[in-house]
C-alpha atoms as a PDB file:
ATOM      1  CA  MET A   1     -12.337  29.796  96.307  1.00  0.00           C
ATOM      2  CA  THR A   2     -13.082  27.092  93.802  1.00  0.00           C
ATOM      3  CA  ILE A   3     -11.027  26.607  90.684  1.00  0.00           C
ATOM      4  CA  LYS A   4     -13.889  27.788  88.483  1.00  0.00           C
ATOM      5  CA  MET A   5     -14.227  31.042  90.388  1.00  0.00           C
ATOM      6  CA  ALA A   6     -10.463  31.554  90.375  1.00  0.00           C
ATOM      7  CA  ALA A   7     -10.349  31.256  86.598  1.00  0.00           C
ATOM      8  CA  TYR A   8     -13.136  33.788  86.151  1.00  0.00           C
ATOM      9  CA  VAL A   9     -11.685  36.250  88.685  1.00  0.00           C
ATOM     10  CA  LEU A  10      -8.192  36.093  87.197  1.00  0.00           C
ATOM     11  CA  VAL A  11      -8.960  35.883  83.479  1.00  0.00           C
ATOM     12  CA  THR A  12     -12.120  37.921  82.856  1.00  0.00           C
ATOM     13  CA  PRO A  13     -10.699  41.393  83.627  1.00  0.00           C
ATOM     14  CA  LEU A  14      -7.680  40.800  81.416  1.00  0.00           C
ATOM     15  CA  ILE A  15      -9.676  39.386  78.531  1.00  0.00           C
ATOM     16  CA  SER A  16     -12.265  42.148  78.775  1.00  0.00           C
ATOM     17  CA  ALA A  17      -9.536  44.717  78.229  1.00  0.00           C
ATOM     18  CA  ILE A  18      -7.982  42.756  75.383  1.00  0.00           C
ATOM     19  CA  ALA A  19     -11.304  41.915  73.707  1.00  0.00           C
ATOM     20  CA  ALA A  20     -12.045  45.599  73.239  1.00  0.00           C
ATOM     21  CA  HIS A  21      -9.037  45.952  70.923  1.00  0.00           C
ATOM     22  CA  ILE A  22      -9.009  42.791  68.824  1.00  0.00           C
ATOM     23  CA  PRO A  23     -11.534  41.261  66.405  1.00  0.00           C
ATOM     24  CA  ARG A  24     -14.160  39.289  68.275  1.00  0.00           C
ATOM     25  CA  LYS A  25     -14.808  36.524  65.774  1.00  0.00           C
ATOM     26  CA  PRO A  26     -11.310  34.967  65.945  1.00  0.00           C
ATOM     27  CA  LEU A  27     -11.349  35.337  69.734  1.00  0.00           C
ATOM     28  CA  LEU A  28     -14.683  33.543  70.004  1.00  0.00           C
ATOM     29  CA  ILE A  29     -13.615  30.784  67.613  1.00  0.00           C
ATOM     30  CA  GLY A  30     -10.313  30.324  69.420  1.00  0.00           C
ATOM     31  CA  SER A  31     -11.892  30.080  72.850  1.00  0.00           C
ATOM     32  CA  GLU A  32     -14.447  27.565  71.568  1.00  0.00           C
ATOM     33  CA  ALA A  33     -11.660  25.499  69.986  1.00  0.00           C
ATOM     34  CA  ILE A  34      -9.733  25.481  73.264  1.00  0.00           C
ATOM     35  CA  ARG A  35     -12.838  24.389  75.157  1.00  0.00           C
ATOM     36  CA  ALA A  36     -13.440  21.568  72.669  1.00  0.00           C
ATOM     37  CA  VAL A  37      -9.850  20.299  72.895  1.00  0.00           C
ATOM     38  CA  ILE A  38      -9.909  20.373  76.697  1.00  0.00           C
ATOM     39  CA  ALA A  39     -13.263  18.581  76.819  1.00  0.00           C
ATOM     40  CA  VAL A  40     -11.865  15.833  74.567  1.00  0.00           C
ATOM     41  CA  CYS A  41      -8.768  15.501  76.784  1.00  0.00           C
ATOM     42  CA  LEU A  42     -10.681  15.112  80.066  1.00  0.00           C
ATOM     43  CA  PRO A  43     -11.424  11.372  79.762  1.00  0.00           C
ATOM     44  CA  PHE A  44      -7.730  10.611  79.297  1.00  0.00           C
ATOM     45  CA  VAL A  45      -6.337  12.115  82.514  1.00  0.00           C
ATOM     46  CA  SER A  46      -4.867   9.806  85.118  1.00  0.00           C
ATOM     47  CA  GLU A  47      -4.031  12.137  88.005  1.00  0.00           C
ATOM     48  CA  ALA A  48      -6.156  14.494  90.058  1.00  0.00           C
ATOM     49  CA  TRP A  49      -3.881  17.494  89.426  1.00  0.00           C
ATOM     50  CA  GLN A  50      -4.370  17.042  85.674  1.00  0.00           C
ATOM     51  CA  ILE A  51      -8.116  17.403  86.136  1.00  0.00           C
ATOM     52  CA  TYR A  52      -7.604  20.635  88.066  1.00  0.00           C
ATOM     53  CA  VAL A  53      -5.347  22.056  85.359  1.00  0.00           C
ATOM     54  CA  LEU A  54      -7.727  21.088  82.562  1.00  0.00           C
ATOM     55  CA  ILE A  55     -10.731  22.522  84.400  1.00  0.00           C
ATOM     56  CA  PHE A  56      -8.835  25.767  85.031  1.00  0.00           C
ATOM     57  CA  VAL A  57      -7.972  26.047  81.322  1.00  0.00           C
ATOM     58  CA  LEU A  58     -11.537  25.139  80.348  1.00  0.00           C
ATOM     59  CA  GLN A  59     -13.001  27.783  82.638  1.00  0.00           C
ATOM     60  CA  SER A  60     -10.416  30.319  81.458  1.00  0.00           C
ATOM     61  CA  ALA A  61     -11.585  29.736  77.899  1.00  0.00           C
ATOM     62  CA  SER A  62     -15.166  30.162  79.081  1.00  0.00           C
ATOM     63  CA  ALA A  63     -14.183  33.371  80.841  1.00  0.00           C
ATOM     64  CA  THR A  64     -12.690  34.522  77.535  1.00  0.00           C
ATOM     65  CA  PHE A  65     -15.822  33.690  75.562  1.00  0.00           C
ATOM     66  CA  THR A  66     -18.303  35.437  77.874  1.00  0.00           C
ATOM     67  CA  PRO A  67     -17.033  39.051  77.705  1.00  0.00           C
ATOM     68  CA  ALA A  68     -16.224  38.778  74.004  1.00  0.00           C
ATOM     69  CA  PHE A  69     -19.731  37.519  73.232  1.00  0.00           C
END
């Protein structure tokens, strides 16, 4: 299982349940902000494990955005 698939499989069901009970606009803005921060941080990593962590967080934010949208 790739890291992208793992993020979607683990995060999407939880976020789908949460997104039904909270306002969508702040959730969408927050997930976009997280994705932007992670994308800016990617060029500054120096170790392979840091890339994996950042990609997992980035894909988790994407998995948050998709069901809320």
